[in-house]
Protein backbone atom coordinates (compact mmCIF):
# COMPACT_ATOMS: atom_id res chain seq x y z
CA MET A 1 -0.19 -15.67 -51.71
CA LEU A 2 -0.82 -12.77 -54.09
CA ASP A 3 2.47 -11.15 -53.11
CA PHE A 4 4.33 -14.43 -53.83
CA LEU A 5 2.77 -14.62 -57.31
CA LYS A 6 3.64 -10.98 -57.96
CA LYS A 7 7.28 -11.72 -57.04
CA ILE A 8 7.31 -14.67 -59.43
CA TRP A 9 5.89 -12.63 -62.26
CA LYS A 10 8.35 -9.84 -61.63
CA TRP A 11 11.21 -12.32 -61.92
CA VAL A 12 9.80 -14.29 -64.94
CA ARG A 13 8.44 -11.39 -66.97
CA THR A 14 7.08 -11.80 -70.52
CA ASP A 15 10.51 -12.75 -71.95
CA GLY A 16 10.81 -15.60 -69.51
CA LEU A 17 7.32 -16.91 -70.48
CA LEU A 18 8.45 -16.83 -74.15
CA HIS A 19 11.54 -18.85 -73.23
CA ILE A 20 9.46 -21.35 -71.27
CA GLY A 21 6.94 -21.73 -74.07
CA TYR A 22 9.45 -22.06 -76.88
CA ALA A 23 11.67 -24.54 -74.97
CA ALA A 24 8.68 -26.75 -74.37
CA LEU A 25 7.50 -26.37 -78.00
CA ILE A 26 10.90 -27.30 -79.39
CA PHE A 27 11.09 -30.36 -77.18
CA LEU A 28 7.56 -31.49 -78.07
CA SER A 29 8.12 -30.87 -81.79
CA LEU A 30 11.34 -32.99 -81.81
CA GLU A 31 10.20 -35.81 -79.55
CA PRO A 32 7.95 -37.68 -82.09
CA PHE A 33 10.93 -38.09 -84.46
CA MET A 34 13.66 -39.29 -82.09
CA PRO A 35 14.16 -40.69 -78.49
CA TRP A 36 12.95 -38.23 -75.84
CA TRP A 37 16.44 -37.87 -74.36
CA VAL A 38 17.91 -36.98 -77.75
CA ALA A 39 15.17 -34.29 -78.15
CA ALA A 40 15.98 -32.93 -74.67
CA ILE A 41 19.72 -32.75 -75.44
CA ILE A 42 19.08 -30.93 -78.81
CA THR A 43 16.70 -28.54 -77.05
CA VAL A 44 19.45 -27.69 -74.46
CA VAL A 45 22.02 -27.18 -77.13
CA LEU A 46 19.66 -24.90 -79.02
CA PHE A 47 18.97 -22.56 -76.10
CA ILE A 48 22.70 -22.48 -75.22
CA ILE A 49 23.53 -21.57 -78.87
CA LYS A 50 20.89 -18.91 -78.77
CA GLU A 51 22.42 -17.25 -75.70
CA ILE A 52 25.91 -17.42 -77.25
CA TYR A 53 24.42 -15.75 -80.38
CA ASP A 54 22.91 -13.03 -78.25
CA ARG A 55 26.24 -12.36 -76.54
CA HIS A 56 28.19 -12.13 -79.67
CA HIS A 57 25.71 -9.97 -81.64
CA GLY A 58 25.10 -7.10 -79.36
CA GLY A 59 22.41 -8.78 -77.26
CA CYS A 60 22.50 -9.77 -73.71
CA ALA A 61 23.05 -13.35 -72.57
CA GLU A 62 21.21 -13.87 -69.30
CA TRP A 63 21.14 -16.71 -66.76
CA HIS A 64 17.43 -15.83 -66.44
CA ASP A 65 16.84 -16.95 -69.98
CA ILE A 66 18.69 -20.30 -69.52
CA ILE A 67 16.77 -20.92 -66.21
CA CYS A 68 13.43 -20.30 -67.94
CA ASP A 69 14.53 -22.51 -70.86
CA CYS A 70 15.16 -25.33 -68.40
CA ILE A 71 11.76 -24.76 -66.83
CA GLY A 72 10.19 -24.97 -70.28
CA LEU A 73 12.10 -28.14 -71.07
CA ALA A 74 10.86 -29.64 -67.78
CA TYR A 75 7.29 -28.77 -68.75
CA GLY A 76 7.81 -30.37 -72.14
CA ILE A 77 9.06 -33.53 -70.53
CA ILE A 78 6.18 -33.53 -68.12
CA ILE A 79 3.72 -33.18 -70.93
CA PHE A 80 5.52 -36.01 -72.84
CA LEU A 81 5.36 -38.33 -69.76
CA LEU A 82 1.67 -37.50 -69.34
CA LYS A 83 1.06 -38.37 -72.93
CA LEU A 84 2.78 -41.74 -72.42
CA TRP A 85 0.84 -42.46 -69.25
CA LEU A 86 -2.58 -41.68 -70.86
CA ARG A 87 -2.02 -44.05 -73.76
C-alpha cells in the first residue's frame, strides 16, 4: 500500500495538489452565487484559459495540470453535494 501511495504522490506532486485545491476553491467560491453547473463550467473554462496562458507565455501547458484541476472540481462538487445533504 505504501508503494502505491508513493507512486500517486510522485505523479501528483506539489503542483498537482495546488491545482486540485484551487479548482475546488474556485468552484466552492462561485457556487453560492449561481447554479452549481454554471460554477462548474466557469471553473473548467478558467483552468483551460490558465493552461492556454501558460503555453503562450513561455510556460508549459500540461495534461497533468488539467487532470488535477478536474479532480479538484470533482472534490468541490462532492463537498457541495455533502453540504446539500447535511442541510
